[in-house]
Amino acid sequence: MTTSPDVQVRDAAGKSGAAGRLAIRDATPGDMDAVQRIYAHHVENGTATFEEAAPSVQEMRARLNHITSQGLPYLVAEQDGVIAGYCYAGQYRQRIAYRYTLENSIYLDPDQAGKGVGKALLAALIRRCEQGPWRQMVAVIAGQDNKASVALHRSAGFSHVGIQPATGYKFGQWIDVVFMQRALGDGAGTQPEPWMPPQA
């Protein structure tokens, strides 16, 4: 299991210190109860995900296995033994020419928003992905009004590359999709090493 150095984050009052340290590490099947609770909150209360029914813990474990079996990172942020958020990278599209491009997903415990957990997770995810063959990362963000996610990705080096208007429909409203993107490693500056993704 890979664990990053402790990361200093802010508390609710905006102060940082030992009490605000968390570890970013590889997710395990045992983390999926907490991960499922975090994701279920976003499914049932917001439009950050277009799922409308929260998946079970068993399904979340299957998704973890699907991601990691492809050699892709699935990370959690743990603070004082509690999962504060998680993120992972998946193949952007299934057509083989997309194989050097990833899509990231990140979800936080709602009580951890604005404390730096998201920045720590996303930075760790980018570092891990840059160790592999991938050259681009795409963020697919639901809603132009999702300012927190847009700001998070911009702070991590993502640029706005497009909008698909009224692509989703949830909670009785049409939802635009915002696309942001950043290079991984050399990006398009050099030819990639020959590589084929493992069969899922």
N, C-alpha and C. Protein backbone atom coordinates (compact mmCIF):
# COMPACT_ATOMS: atom_id res chain seq x y z
N MET A 1 0.84 -1.19 0.00
CA MET A 1 0.00 0.00 0.00
C MET A 1 0.88 1.24 0.00
N THR A 2 0.52 2.22 -0.83
CA THR A 2 1.28 3.46 -0.90
C THR A 2 0.61 4.51 -0.04
N THR A 3 1.38 5.16 0.82
CA THR A 3 0.88 6.23 1.67
C THR A 3 1.72 7.46 1.45
N SER A 4 1.06 8.60 1.25
CA SER A 4 1.80 9.84 1.09
C SER A 4 2.13 10.42 2.45
N PRO A 5 3.08 11.35 2.52
CA PRO A 5 3.35 12.02 3.79
C PRO A 5 2.10 12.72 4.30
N ASP A 6 2.03 12.90 5.62
CA ASP A 6 0.90 13.63 6.19
C ASP A 6 0.78 15.00 5.53
N VAL A 7 -0.45 15.41 5.32
CA VAL A 7 -0.74 16.69 4.69
C VAL A 7 -1.41 17.58 5.71
N GLN A 8 -0.99 18.82 5.80
CA GLN A 8 -1.60 19.74 6.74
C GLN A 8 -2.81 20.39 6.10
N VAL A 9 -3.94 20.32 6.78
CA VAL A 9 -5.16 20.93 6.26
C VAL A 9 -5.72 21.88 7.31
N ARG A 10 -6.67 22.70 6.88
CA ARG A 10 -7.26 23.69 7.77
C ARG A 10 -8.44 23.12 8.53
N ASP A 11 -8.63 23.60 9.76
CA ASP A 11 -9.82 23.21 10.50
C ASP A 11 -10.97 24.14 10.11
N ALA A 12 -12.11 23.96 10.77
CA ALA A 12 -13.30 24.73 10.40
C ALA A 12 -13.09 26.23 10.57
N ALA A 13 -12.17 26.61 11.46
CA ALA A 13 -11.90 28.03 11.69
C ALA A 13 -10.82 28.58 10.76
N GLY A 14 -10.32 27.72 9.87
CA GLY A 14 -9.29 28.16 8.94
C GLY A 14 -7.89 28.05 9.49
N LYS A 15 -7.74 27.45 10.68
CA LYS A 15 -6.43 27.29 11.28
C LYS A 15 -5.85 25.94 10.91
N SER A 16 -4.53 25.87 10.82
CA SER A 16 -3.88 24.61 10.51
C SER A 16 -3.05 24.18 11.69
N GLY A 17 -2.76 22.88 11.74
CA GLY A 17 -1.97 22.37 12.86
C GLY A 17 -2.00 20.88 12.89
N ALA A 18 -1.44 20.28 13.95
CA ALA A 18 -1.33 18.83 14.04
C ALA A 18 -2.68 18.16 13.97
N ALA A 19 -3.71 18.81 14.56
CA ALA A 19 -5.03 18.20 14.57
C ALA A 19 -5.62 18.13 13.17
N GLY A 20 -5.06 18.93 12.23
CA GLY A 20 -5.61 18.94 10.89
C GLY A 20 -4.83 18.10 9.91
N ARG A 21 -3.96 17.22 10.38
CA ARG A 21 -3.16 16.42 9.46
C ARG A 21 -3.93 15.18 9.03
N LEU A 22 -3.75 14.84 7.75
CA LEU A 22 -4.38 13.63 7.25
C LEU A 22 -3.40 12.91 6.34
N ALA A 23 -3.66 11.64 6.12
CA ALA A 23 -2.82 10.81 5.26
C ALA A 23 -3.60 10.46 4.00
N ILE A 24 -2.94 10.55 2.86
CA ILE A 24 -3.51 10.10 1.60
C ILE A 24 -2.93 8.73 1.31
N ARG A 25 -3.78 7.74 1.11
CA ARG A 25 -3.29 6.38 0.89
C ARG A 25 -4.18 5.65 -0.10
N ASP A 26 -3.71 4.49 -0.55
CA ASP A 26 -4.51 3.64 -1.43
C ASP A 26 -5.74 3.15 -0.68
N ALA A 27 -6.87 3.14 -1.36
CA ALA A 27 -8.10 2.63 -0.77
C ALA A 27 -8.05 1.11 -0.68
N THR A 28 -8.77 0.58 0.30
CA THR A 28 -8.90 -0.86 0.48
C THR A 28 -10.39 -1.22 0.49
N PRO A 29 -10.72 -2.50 0.29
CA PRO A 29 -12.13 -2.89 0.38
C PRO A 29 -12.77 -2.49 1.71
N GLY A 30 -11.98 -2.49 2.78
CA GLY A 30 -12.51 -2.11 4.09
C GLY A 30 -12.90 -0.65 4.20
N ASP A 31 -12.41 0.18 3.28
CA ASP A 31 -12.77 1.60 3.29
C ASP A 31 -14.12 1.86 2.63
N MET A 32 -14.67 0.87 1.94
CA MET A 32 -15.81 1.14 1.09
C MET A 32 -17.10 1.44 1.85
N ASP A 33 -17.21 1.03 3.11
CA ASP A 33 -18.38 1.44 3.90
C ASP A 33 -18.41 2.97 4.02
N ALA A 34 -17.26 3.55 4.38
CA ALA A 34 -17.18 5.00 4.51
C ALA A 34 -17.30 5.69 3.16
N VAL A 35 -16.65 5.13 2.15
CA VAL A 35 -16.72 5.70 0.81
C VAL A 35 -18.16 5.69 0.30
N GLN A 36 -18.87 4.59 0.55
CA GLN A 36 -20.25 4.50 0.11
C GLN A 36 -21.12 5.56 0.78
N ARG A 37 -20.89 5.82 2.06
CA ARG A 37 -21.67 6.84 2.76
C ARG A 37 -21.42 8.23 2.17
N ILE A 38 -20.16 8.51 1.87
CA ILE A 38 -19.84 9.80 1.26
C ILE A 38 -20.51 9.93 -0.11
N TYR A 39 -20.37 8.89 -0.92
CA TYR A 39 -20.92 8.95 -2.27
C TYR A 39 -22.44 9.01 -2.24
N ALA A 40 -23.06 8.24 -1.34
CA ALA A 40 -24.52 8.24 -1.24
C ALA A 40 -25.05 9.64 -0.93
N HIS A 41 -24.33 10.37 -0.09
CA HIS A 41 -24.76 11.75 0.20
C HIS A 41 -24.81 12.58 -1.08
N HIS A 42 -23.79 12.45 -1.92
CA HIS A 42 -23.74 13.25 -3.14
C HIS A 42 -24.78 12.77 -4.16
N VAL A 43 -25.02 11.47 -4.20
CA VAL A 43 -26.05 10.94 -5.11
C VAL A 43 -27.42 11.47 -4.72
N GLU A 44 -27.72 11.45 -3.44
CA GLU A 44 -29.07 11.74 -2.96
C GLU A 44 -29.34 13.23 -2.73
N ASN A 45 -28.29 14.03 -2.65
CA ASN A 45 -28.48 15.43 -2.26
C ASN A 45 -27.90 16.46 -3.23
N GLY A 46 -27.27 16.02 -4.30
CA GLY A 46 -26.65 16.98 -5.20
C GLY A 46 -26.58 16.48 -6.62
N THR A 47 -25.97 17.28 -7.46
CA THR A 47 -25.86 16.94 -8.89
C THR A 47 -24.41 16.72 -9.32
N ALA A 48 -23.51 16.57 -8.36
CA ALA A 48 -22.11 16.31 -8.71
C ALA A 48 -21.96 14.99 -9.45
N THR A 49 -22.86 14.05 -9.17
CA THR A 49 -22.92 12.79 -9.91
C THR A 49 -24.29 12.67 -10.55
N PHE A 50 -24.35 12.05 -11.70
CA PHE A 50 -25.62 11.86 -12.39
C PHE A 50 -26.31 10.55 -12.01
N GLU A 51 -25.74 9.79 -11.09
CA GLU A 51 -26.47 8.65 -10.56
C GLU A 51 -27.62 9.16 -9.70
N GLU A 52 -28.73 8.41 -9.70
CA GLU A 52 -29.89 8.82 -8.92
C GLU A 52 -30.21 7.87 -7.78
N ALA A 53 -29.61 6.69 -7.79
CA ALA A 53 -29.78 5.71 -6.71
C ALA A 53 -28.40 5.35 -6.19
N ALA A 54 -28.21 5.48 -4.90
CA ALA A 54 -26.89 5.21 -4.31
C ALA A 54 -26.54 3.74 -4.44
N PRO A 55 -25.36 3.41 -4.95
CA PRO A 55 -24.93 2.01 -5.04
C PRO A 55 -24.64 1.44 -3.66
N SER A 56 -24.68 0.13 -3.57
CA SER A 56 -24.41 -0.56 -2.31
C SER A 56 -22.92 -0.58 -2.02
N VAL A 57 -22.58 -0.96 -0.79
CA VAL A 57 -21.17 -1.13 -0.43
C VAL A 57 -20.54 -2.20 -1.31
N GLN A 58 -21.27 -3.27 -1.56
CA GLN A 58 -20.75 -4.34 -2.42
C GLN A 58 -20.42 -3.81 -3.81
N GLU A 59 -21.30 -2.96 -4.36
CA GLU A 59 -21.05 -2.38 -5.67
C GLU A 59 -19.84 -1.45 -5.63
N MET A 60 -19.68 -0.71 -4.56
CA MET A 60 -18.52 0.18 -4.45
C MET A 60 -17.23 -0.63 -4.39
N ARG A 61 -17.27 -1.78 -3.73
CA ARG A 61 -16.08 -2.65 -3.70
C ARG A 61 -15.77 -3.18 -5.10
N ALA A 62 -16.82 -3.51 -5.85
CA ALA A 62 -16.61 -3.98 -7.22
C ALA A 62 -16.01 -2.87 -8.08
N ARG A 63 -16.44 -1.65 -7.88
CA ARG A 63 -15.89 -0.53 -8.64
C ARG A 63 -14.42 -0.29 -8.26
N LEU A 64 -14.11 -0.39 -6.98
CA LEU A 64 -12.72 -0.28 -6.54
C LEU A 64 -11.86 -1.32 -7.25
N ASN A 65 -12.32 -2.55 -7.28
CA ASN A 65 -11.57 -3.62 -7.92
C ASN A 65 -11.41 -3.36 -9.42
N HIS A 66 -12.45 -2.84 -10.05
CA HIS A 66 -12.39 -2.55 -11.48
C HIS A 66 -11.31 -1.51 -11.78
N ILE A 67 -11.25 -0.47 -10.96
CA ILE A 67 -10.26 0.58 -11.16
C ILE A 67 -8.85 0.06 -10.92
N THR A 68 -8.64 -0.55 -9.77
CA THR A 68 -7.28 -0.96 -9.39
C THR A 68 -6.76 -2.11 -10.24
N SER A 69 -7.67 -2.95 -10.76
CA SER A 69 -7.23 -4.06 -11.61
C SER A 69 -6.66 -3.56 -12.93
N GLN A 70 -6.93 -2.32 -13.27
CA GLN A 70 -6.38 -1.71 -14.48
C GLN A 70 -5.10 -0.92 -14.19
N GLY A 71 -4.61 -1.04 -12.96
CA GLY A 71 -3.39 -0.33 -12.59
C GLY A 71 -3.60 1.15 -12.31
N LEU A 72 -4.85 1.54 -12.09
CA LEU A 72 -5.19 2.94 -11.86
C LEU A 72 -5.31 3.23 -10.37
N PRO A 73 -5.03 4.46 -9.94
CA PRO A 73 -5.07 4.78 -8.51
C PRO A 73 -6.48 5.08 -8.00
N TYR A 74 -6.75 4.60 -6.81
CA TYR A 74 -7.98 4.89 -6.07
C TYR A 74 -7.52 5.24 -4.66
N LEU A 75 -7.66 6.50 -4.26
CA LEU A 75 -7.07 7.01 -3.04
C LEU A 75 -8.12 7.47 -2.05
N VAL A 76 -7.79 7.39 -0.77
CA VAL A 76 -8.63 7.96 0.28
C VAL A 76 -7.79 8.92 1.11
N ALA A 77 -8.46 9.92 1.69
CA ALA A 77 -7.85 10.82 2.67
C ALA A 77 -8.38 10.40 4.04
N GLU A 78 -7.46 10.05 4.92
CA GLU A 78 -7.85 9.57 6.25
C GLU A 78 -7.33 10.53 7.32
N GLN A 79 -8.22 10.93 8.21
CA GLN A 79 -7.86 11.83 9.30
C GLN A 79 -8.36 11.24 10.61
N ASP A 80 -7.42 10.97 11.52
CA ASP A 80 -7.78 10.40 12.82
C ASP A 80 -8.64 9.14 12.67
N GLY A 81 -8.28 8.31 11.68
CA GLY A 81 -8.99 7.05 11.48
C GLY A 81 -10.31 7.17 10.74
N VAL A 82 -10.65 8.36 10.28
CA VAL A 82 -11.92 8.60 9.60
C VAL A 82 -11.64 9.00 8.15
N ILE A 83 -12.39 8.43 7.21
CA ILE A 83 -12.24 8.76 5.80
C ILE A 83 -12.91 10.11 5.53
N ALA A 84 -12.10 11.09 5.10
CA ALA A 84 -12.59 12.44 4.86
C ALA A 84 -12.97 12.68 3.40
N GLY A 85 -12.51 11.81 2.51
CA GLY A 85 -12.81 11.95 1.09
C GLY A 85 -12.06 10.91 0.29
N TYR A 86 -12.37 10.82 -0.98
CA TYR A 86 -11.70 9.84 -1.84
C TYR A 86 -11.67 10.34 -3.27
N CYS A 87 -10.79 9.77 -4.05
CA CYS A 87 -10.71 10.11 -5.47
C CYS A 87 -10.11 8.93 -6.23
N TYR A 88 -10.33 8.92 -7.52
CA TYR A 88 -9.76 7.87 -8.37
C TYR A 88 -9.69 8.37 -9.80
N ALA A 89 -8.96 7.64 -10.60
CA ALA A 89 -8.86 7.93 -12.04
C ALA A 89 -9.34 6.71 -12.81
N GLY A 90 -10.06 6.97 -13.88
CA GLY A 90 -10.51 5.90 -14.77
C GLY A 90 -10.22 6.28 -16.21
N GLN A 91 -10.28 5.30 -17.09
CA GLN A 91 -10.08 5.60 -18.51
C GLN A 91 -11.16 6.58 -18.97
N TYR A 92 -10.77 7.60 -19.71
CA TYR A 92 -11.70 8.64 -20.15
C TYR A 92 -12.77 8.08 -21.07
N ARG A 93 -12.38 7.27 -22.03
CA ARG A 93 -13.32 6.61 -22.94
C ARG A 93 -12.76 5.22 -23.26
N GLN A 94 -13.61 4.34 -23.76
CA GLN A 94 -13.20 2.96 -24.00
C GLN A 94 -12.49 2.76 -25.33
N ARG A 95 -12.73 3.60 -26.33
CA ARG A 95 -12.04 3.44 -27.60
C ARG A 95 -10.54 3.52 -27.38
N ILE A 96 -9.79 2.65 -28.05
CA ILE A 96 -8.39 2.45 -27.72
C ILE A 96 -7.52 3.70 -27.91
N ALA A 97 -7.89 4.57 -28.84
CA ALA A 97 -7.08 5.78 -29.06
C ALA A 97 -7.13 6.74 -27.87
N TYR A 98 -8.09 6.53 -26.96
CA TYR A 98 -8.18 7.36 -25.75
C TYR A 98 -7.29 6.83 -24.62
N ARG A 99 -6.49 5.80 -24.88
CA ARG A 99 -5.86 5.07 -23.78
C ARG A 99 -4.89 5.90 -22.93
N TYR A 100 -4.39 7.01 -23.46
CA TYR A 100 -3.45 7.83 -22.67
C TYR A 100 -4.17 8.95 -21.91
N THR A 101 -5.49 8.94 -21.93
CA THR A 101 -6.28 9.99 -21.28
C THR A 101 -7.14 9.41 -20.17
N LEU A 102 -7.12 10.07 -19.01
CA LEU A 102 -7.87 9.63 -17.84
C LEU A 102 -8.94 10.66 -17.48
N GLU A 103 -9.96 10.19 -16.77
CA GLU A 103 -10.96 11.07 -16.16
C GLU A 103 -10.88 10.89 -14.65
N ASN A 104 -10.85 11.99 -13.94
CA ASN A 104 -10.76 11.89 -12.48
C ASN A 104 -12.12 12.09 -11.83
N SER A 105 -12.29 11.49 -10.67
CA SER A 105 -13.49 11.67 -9.84
C SER A 105 -13.04 11.93 -8.41
N ILE A 106 -13.70 12.85 -7.72
CA ILE A 106 -13.33 13.18 -6.35
C ILE A 106 -14.57 13.57 -5.56
N TYR A 107 -14.71 12.99 -4.37
CA TYR A 107 -15.85 13.27 -3.50
C TYR A 107 -15.36 13.42 -2.07
N LEU A 108 -15.92 14.40 -1.36
CA LEU A 108 -15.53 14.66 0.02
C LEU A 108 -16.71 14.46 0.96
N ASP A 109 -16.40 14.07 2.18
CA ASP A 109 -17.39 14.16 3.25
C ASP A 109 -17.84 15.63 3.31
N PRO A 110 -19.15 15.89 3.33
CA PRO A 110 -19.60 17.29 3.29
C PRO A 110 -19.04 18.14 4.41
N ASP A 111 -18.71 17.54 5.54
CA ASP A 111 -18.14 18.30 6.65
C ASP A 111 -16.69 18.70 6.41
N GLN A 112 -16.07 18.14 5.36
CA GLN A 112 -14.66 18.41 5.08
C GLN A 112 -14.44 19.42 3.96
N ALA A 113 -15.53 19.92 3.40
CA ALA A 113 -15.41 20.87 2.29
C ALA A 113 -14.72 22.15 2.75
N GLY A 114 -13.84 22.68 1.91
CA GLY A 114 -13.18 23.94 2.19
C GLY A 114 -12.03 23.87 3.15
N LYS A 115 -11.57 22.67 3.48
CA LYS A 115 -10.49 22.51 4.46
C LYS A 115 -9.17 22.07 3.82
N GLY A 116 -9.13 21.97 2.51
CA GLY A 116 -7.90 21.57 1.84
C GLY A 116 -7.78 20.09 1.55
N VAL A 117 -8.79 19.31 1.95
CA VAL A 117 -8.74 17.86 1.71
C VAL A 117 -8.79 17.57 0.22
N GLY A 118 -9.67 18.27 -0.49
CA GLY A 118 -9.79 18.05 -1.93
C GLY A 118 -8.50 18.36 -2.67
N LYS A 119 -7.84 19.45 -2.31
CA LYS A 119 -6.56 19.80 -2.95
C LYS A 119 -5.51 18.73 -2.70
N ALA A 120 -5.47 18.23 -1.46
CA ALA A 120 -4.48 17.20 -1.13
C ALA A 120 -4.75 15.92 -1.91
N LEU A 121 -6.01 15.53 -2.00
CA LEU A 121 -6.36 14.32 -2.74
C LEU A 121 -6.04 14.46 -4.22
N LEU A 122 -6.47 15.56 -4.83
CA LEU A 122 -6.28 15.73 -6.26
C LEU A 122 -4.79 15.82 -6.61
N ALA A 123 -4.02 16.51 -5.79
CA ALA A 123 -2.58 16.60 -6.04
C ALA A 123 -1.93 15.23 -5.98
N ALA A 124 -2.33 14.41 -5.00
CA ALA A 124 -1.77 13.06 -4.88
C ALA A 124 -2.17 12.20 -6.07
N LEU A 125 -3.42 12.35 -6.53
CA LEU A 125 -3.89 11.57 -7.68
C LEU A 125 -3.09 11.93 -8.93
N ILE A 126 -2.87 13.21 -9.14
CA ILE A 126 -2.10 13.65 -10.31
C ILE A 126 -0.68 13.09 -10.26
N ARG A 127 -0.05 13.16 -9.09
CA ARG A 127 1.31 12.63 -8.96
C ARG A 127 1.36 11.15 -9.30
N ARG A 128 0.39 10.39 -8.81
CA ARG A 128 0.37 8.95 -9.08
C ARG A 128 0.17 8.69 -10.57
N CYS A 129 -0.73 9.42 -11.19
CA CYS A 129 -1.00 9.19 -12.61
C CYS A 129 0.20 9.58 -13.47
N GLU A 130 0.96 10.56 -13.04
CA GLU A 130 2.15 10.96 -13.80
C GLU A 130 3.25 9.92 -13.73
N GLN A 131 3.14 8.97 -12.82
CA GLN A 131 4.11 7.88 -12.75
C GLN A 131 3.80 6.78 -13.77
N GLY A 132 2.62 6.85 -14.38
CA GLY A 132 2.22 5.85 -15.36
C GLY A 132 2.36 6.37 -16.78
N PRO A 133 1.74 5.69 -17.74
CA PRO A 133 1.90 6.05 -19.15
C PRO A 133 0.98 7.17 -19.62
N TRP A 134 0.10 7.65 -18.74
CA TRP A 134 -0.95 8.57 -19.17
C TRP A 134 -0.44 9.98 -19.39
N ARG A 135 -1.11 10.71 -20.31
CA ARG A 135 -0.62 12.03 -20.71
C ARG A 135 -1.63 13.16 -20.51
N GLN A 136 -2.90 12.83 -20.31
CA GLN A 136 -3.91 13.87 -20.11
C GLN A 136 -4.90 13.41 -19.03
N MET A 137 -5.42 14.39 -18.28
CA MET A 137 -6.48 14.11 -17.32
C MET A 137 -7.62 15.08 -17.57
N VAL A 138 -8.83 14.54 -17.64
CA VAL A 138 -10.03 15.33 -17.90
C VAL A 138 -10.93 15.29 -16.67
N ALA A 139 -11.45 16.45 -16.30
CA ALA A 139 -12.46 16.55 -15.24
C ALA A 139 -13.80 16.84 -15.90
N VAL A 140 -14.79 16.01 -15.61
CA VAL A 140 -16.14 16.19 -16.15
C VAL A 140 -17.00 16.65 -14.97
N ILE A 141 -17.34 17.93 -14.95
CA ILE A 141 -17.96 18.56 -13.79
C ILE A 141 -19.41 18.90 -14.10
N ALA A 142 -20.31 18.41 -13.26
CA ALA A 142 -21.73 18.64 -13.47
C ALA A 142 -22.11 20.03 -12.95
N GLY A 143 -22.60 20.87 -13.86
CA GLY A 143 -23.13 22.17 -13.46
C GLY A 143 -22.12 23.30 -13.53
N GLN A 144 -22.46 24.35 -14.29
CA GLN A 144 -21.59 25.52 -14.34
C GLN A 144 -21.54 26.24 -12.99
N ASP A 145 -22.56 25.99 -12.14
CA ASP A 145 -22.59 26.64 -10.83
C ASP A 145 -21.82 25.86 -9.77
N ASN A 146 -21.16 24.76 -10.18
CA ASN A 146 -20.35 23.98 -9.23
C ASN A 146 -19.00 24.67 -9.08
N LYS A 147 -19.04 25.84 -8.47
CA LYS A 147 -17.86 26.69 -8.41
C LYS A 147 -16.73 26.07 -7.60
N ALA A 148 -17.08 25.30 -6.56
CA ALA A 148 -16.04 24.70 -5.72
C ALA A 148 -15.20 23.71 -6.52
N SER A 149 -15.87 22.87 -7.33
CA SER A 149 -15.14 21.88 -8.11
C SER A 149 -14.32 22.55 -9.21
N VAL A 150 -14.90 23.55 -9.85
CA VAL A 150 -14.16 24.28 -10.89
C VAL A 150 -12.92 24.93 -10.29
N ALA A 151 -13.07 25.57 -9.12
CA ALA A 151 -11.93 26.23 -8.47
C ALA A 151 -10.88 25.21 -8.04
N LEU A 152 -11.33 24.07 -7.52
CA LEU A 152 -10.39 23.02 -7.11
C LEU A 152 -9.54 22.58 -8.28
N HIS A 153 -10.18 22.29 -9.40
CA HIS A 153 -9.44 21.80 -10.56
C HIS A 153 -8.55 22.89 -11.16
N ARG A 154 -9.03 24.11 -11.16
CA ARG A 154 -8.18 25.20 -11.67
C ARG A 154 -6.92 25.34 -10.82
N SER A 155 -7.07 25.19 -9.51
CA SER A 155 -5.90 25.30 -8.62
C SER A 155 -4.90 24.18 -8.85
N ALA A 156 -5.38 23.07 -9.43
CA ALA A 156 -4.50 21.92 -9.71
C ALA A 156 -3.96 21.94 -11.13
N GLY A 157 -4.14 23.05 -11.84
CA GLY A 157 -3.57 23.19 -13.17
C GLY A 157 -4.48 22.83 -14.32
N PHE A 158 -5.76 22.61 -14.05
CA PHE A 158 -6.72 22.31 -15.12
C PHE A 158 -7.17 23.61 -15.79
N SER A 159 -7.45 23.52 -17.08
CA SER A 159 -8.00 24.63 -17.84
C SER A 159 -9.39 24.28 -18.35
N HIS A 160 -10.23 25.28 -18.46
CA HIS A 160 -11.58 25.10 -19.00
C HIS A 160 -11.48 24.82 -20.50
N VAL A 161 -12.08 23.71 -20.95
CA VAL A 161 -11.98 23.37 -22.37
C VAL A 161 -13.33 23.25 -23.07
N GLY A 162 -14.43 23.33 -22.32
CA GLY A 162 -15.71 23.26 -23.00
C GLY A 162 -16.89 23.04 -22.08
N ILE A 163 -18.08 23.24 -22.65
CA ILE A 163 -19.34 23.02 -21.93
C ILE A 163 -20.29 22.26 -22.85
N GLN A 164 -20.96 21.28 -22.30
CA GLN A 164 -22.07 20.63 -22.97
C GLN A 164 -23.35 21.09 -22.26
N PRO A 165 -24.15 21.92 -22.89
CA PRO A 165 -25.34 22.43 -22.22
C PRO A 165 -26.44 21.38 -22.10
N ALA A 166 -27.14 21.44 -20.96
CA ALA A 166 -28.34 20.62 -20.73
C ALA A 166 -28.12 19.15 -21.05
N THR A 167 -27.00 18.60 -20.62
CA THR A 167 -26.65 17.21 -20.92
C THR A 167 -27.28 16.25 -19.93
N GLY A 168 -27.45 16.68 -18.68
CA GLY A 168 -28.04 15.84 -17.65
C GLY A 168 -29.38 16.39 -17.18
N TYR A 169 -30.19 15.50 -16.58
CA TYR A 169 -31.48 15.93 -16.02
C TYR A 169 -31.65 15.22 -14.69
N LYS A 170 -31.67 15.99 -13.61
CA LYS A 170 -31.77 15.42 -12.27
C LYS A 170 -32.46 16.43 -11.36
N PHE A 171 -33.28 15.94 -10.45
CA PHE A 171 -34.01 16.79 -9.52
C PHE A 171 -34.83 17.85 -10.25
N GLY A 172 -35.39 17.46 -11.40
CA GLY A 172 -36.28 18.36 -12.13
C GLY A 172 -35.60 19.51 -12.83
N GLN A 173 -34.31 19.40 -13.09
CA GLN A 173 -33.61 20.48 -13.76
C GLN A 173 -32.60 19.95 -14.77
N TRP A 174 -32.41 20.73 -15.83
CA TRP A 174 -31.37 20.42 -16.81
C TRP A 174 -30.03 20.89 -16.27
N ILE A 175 -29.00 20.08 -16.51
CA ILE A 175 -27.69 20.35 -15.94
C ILE A 175 -26.64 20.37 -17.04
N ASP A 176 -25.89 21.46 -17.11
CA ASP A 176 -24.77 21.54 -18.04
C ASP A 176 -23.60 20.71 -17.51
N VAL A 177 -22.71 20.33 -18.42
CA VAL A 177 -21.49 19.62 -18.04
C VAL A 177 -20.29 20.46 -18.47
N VAL A 178 -19.40 20.72 -17.52
CA VAL A 178 -18.19 21.50 -17.75
C VAL A 178 -17.00 20.55 -17.91
N PHE A 179 -16.20 20.78 -18.92
CA PHE A 179 -14.99 19.97 -19.14
C PHE A 179 -13.76 20.81 -18.83
N MET A 180 -12.88 20.24 -17.99
CA MET A 180 -11.59 20.86 -17.71
C MET A 180 -10.51 19.81 -17.95
N GLN A 181 -9.31 20.25 -18.26
CA GLN A 181 -8.27 19.30 -18.67
C GLN A 181 -6.89 19.84 -18.28
N ARG A 182 -5.99 18.91 -17.97
CA ARG A 182 -4.59 19.27 -17.74
C ARG A 182 -3.70 18.15 -18.27
N ALA A 183 -2.47 18.54 -18.61
CA ALA A 183 -1.50 17.55 -19.07
C ALA A 183 -0.94 16.79 -17.88
N LEU A 184 -0.55 15.55 -18.14
CA LEU A 184 0.19 14.73 -17.18
C LEU A 184 1.60 14.55 -17.73
N GLY A 185 2.60 14.86 -16.93
CA GLY A 185 3.97 14.72 -17.40
C GLY A 185 4.24 15.58 -18.62
N ASP A 186 4.76 14.96 -19.67
CA ASP A 186 5.08 15.69 -20.90
C ASP A 186 3.85 16.05 -21.72
N GLY A 187 2.70 15.53 -21.35
CA GLY A 187 1.50 15.81 -22.13
C GLY A 187 1.68 15.43 -23.58
N ALA A 188 1.31 16.35 -24.46
CA ALA A 188 1.44 16.11 -25.90
C ALA A 188 2.79 16.56 -26.44
N GLY A 189 3.72 16.92 -25.55
CA GLY A 189 5.01 17.43 -25.99
C GLY A 189 5.94 16.39 -26.56
N THR A 190 5.73 15.13 -26.21
CA THR A 190 6.56 14.04 -26.73
C THR A 190 5.68 12.87 -27.09
N GLN A 191 6.22 11.94 -27.86
CA GLN A 191 5.49 10.72 -28.18
C GLN A 191 5.43 9.82 -26.94
N PRO A 192 4.30 9.19 -26.67
CA PRO A 192 4.21 8.30 -25.51
C PRO A 192 4.91 6.98 -25.78
N GLU A 193 5.27 6.31 -24.70
CA GLU A 193 5.79 4.96 -24.83
C GLU A 193 4.67 4.03 -25.29
N PRO A 194 4.98 3.04 -26.13
CA PRO A 194 3.95 2.08 -26.54
C PRO A 194 3.34 1.42 -25.30
N TRP A 195 2.03 1.40 -25.24
CA TRP A 195 1.34 0.87 -24.06
C TRP A 195 -0.09 0.53 -24.43
N MET A 196 -0.59 -0.57 -23.88
CA MET A 196 -1.98 -0.96 -24.05
C MET A 196 -2.57 -1.21 -22.68
N PRO A 197 -3.79 -0.73 -22.42
CA PRO A 197 -4.40 -0.96 -21.11
C PRO A 197 -4.73 -2.43 -20.92
N PRO A 198 -4.66 -2.93 -19.67
CA PRO A 198 -5.05 -4.31 -19.42
C PRO A 198 -6.53 -4.50 -19.68
N GLN A 199 -6.90 -5.69 -20.00
CA GLN A 199 -8.31 -6.00 -20.22
C GLN A 199 -9.05 -5.95 -18.90
N ALA A 200 -10.15 -5.17 -18.86
CA ALA A 200 -10.93 -5.06 -17.62
C ALA A 200 -11.71 -6.34 -17.38
